[in-house]
């Protein structure tokens, strides 16, 4: 279950499955002292820096859109709360 939580959290942070696998492999190989951020952020073999940057930009665009959606939901909830609970 711990691994699944780690994977889910990292996917929510828009890390690729390849990067997560590389980090988990290093961790399971007994490299508890491994630099996790380095493992996650170093491009996978065969991946050019340009393609890694392109993926990152796409992930950041998606995360930005998701954040805007969450913000809109929160604003709608706030407005609904105000209407249903007027000030005393």
Protein backbone atom coordinates (compact mmCIF):
# COMPACT_ATOMS: atom_id res chain seq x y z
CA UNK A 1 0.00 0.00 0.00
CA UNK A 2 2.89 2.35 0.76
CA UNK A 3 4.23 2.03 -2.79
CA UNK A 4 0.81 2.69 -4.26
CA UNK A 5 0.46 5.86 -2.17
CA UNK A 6 3.91 7.00 -3.31
CA UNK A 7 3.06 6.28 -6.95
CA UNK A 8 -0.31 8.04 -6.71
CA UNK A 9 1.25 11.07 -5.04
CA UNK A 10 4.00 11.34 -7.63
CA UNK A 11 1.53 10.91 -10.50
CA UNK A 12 -0.56 13.71 -9.00
CA UNK A 13 2.63 15.78 -9.05
CA UNK A 14 2.85 14.94 -12.78
CA UNK A 15 5.91 12.71 -12.65
CA UNK A 16 6.10 10.16 -15.46
CA UNK A 17 5.70 6.48 -14.71
CA UNK A 18 9.21 5.93 -16.08
CA UNK A 19 10.67 8.42 -13.59
CA UNK A 20 8.70 6.88 -10.73
CA UNK A 21 9.86 3.39 -11.72
CA UNK A 22 13.47 4.57 -11.82
CA UNK A 23 13.16 6.10 -8.36
CA UNK A 24 11.45 3.01 -6.90
CA UNK A 25 14.08 0.74 -8.47
CA UNK A 26 16.88 2.75 -6.85
CA UNK A 27 15.03 2.71 -3.53
CA UNK A 28 14.40 -1.05 -3.65
CA UNK A 29 18.03 -1.71 -4.62
CA UNK A 30 18.99 -0.56 -1.15
CA UNK A 31 19.77 3.00 -2.06
CA UNK A 32 17.72 4.46 0.78
CA UNK A 33 20.17 7.33 0.83
CA UNK A 34 19.61 7.94 -2.90
CA UNK A 35 18.75 11.48 -3.91
CA UNK A 36 15.08 10.94 -4.70
CA UNK A 37 14.66 14.26 -6.50
CA UNK A 38 17.68 13.49 -8.66
CA UNK A 39 16.26 10.06 -9.50
CA UNK A 40 12.88 11.55 -10.39
CA UNK A 41 14.15 14.52 -12.36
CA UNK A 42 16.96 12.91 -14.35
CA UNK A 43 15.73 11.97 -17.84
CA UNK A 44 15.28 8.25 -18.45
CA UNK A 45 17.83 6.55 -20.75
CA UNK A 46 17.05 7.34 -24.36
CA UNK A 47 15.08 10.45 -23.45
CA UNK A 48 16.56 13.69 -24.70
CA UNK A 49 16.50 16.81 -22.60
CA UNK A 50 14.23 18.42 -25.20
CA UNK A 51 11.63 15.65 -24.96
CA UNK A 52 11.88 15.70 -21.15
CA UNK A 53 11.27 19.48 -21.18
CA UNK A 54 8.37 19.09 -23.60
CA UNK A 55 6.77 16.52 -21.28
CA UNK A 56 7.34 18.78 -18.28
CA UNK A 57 5.73 21.74 -20.04
CA UNK A 58 2.73 19.60 -20.99
CA UNK A 59 2.42 18.32 -17.42
CA UNK A 60 2.67 21.85 -16.02
CA UNK A 61 0.00 23.09 -18.44
CA UNK A 62 -2.27 20.24 -17.33
CA UNK A 63 -1.56 20.94 -13.65
CA UNK A 64 -2.32 24.63 -14.21
CA UNK A 65 -5.66 23.79 -15.83
CA UNK A 66 -6.47 21.41 -12.97
CA UNK A 67 -5.64 24.13 -10.44
CA UNK A 68 -7.93 26.58 -12.25
CA UNK A 69 -10.72 24.00 -12.11
CA UNK A 70 -10.21 23.45 -8.39
CA UNK A 71 -10.16 27.21 -7.80
CA UNK A 72 -13.46 27.59 -9.66
CA UNK A 73 -15.02 24.80 -7.60
CA UNK A 74 -13.86 26.50 -4.40
CA UNK A 75 -15.21 29.88 -5.52
CA UNK A 76 -18.56 28.26 -6.34
CA UNK A 77 -18.64 26.60 -2.93
CA UNK A 78 -17.82 29.91 -1.24
CA UNK A 79 -20.62 31.67 -3.08
CA UNK A 80 -23.07 28.90 -2.25
CA UNK A 81 -22.03 29.01 1.41
CA UNK A 82 -22.58 32.78 1.54
CA UNK A 83 -26.09 32.44 0.13
CA UNK A 84 -27.03 29.65 2.52
CA UNK A 85 -25.39 31.22 5.58
CA UNK A 86 -25.90 34.98 5.67
CA UNK A 87 -23.81 36.95 8.23
CA UNK A 88 -25.27 37.31 11.71
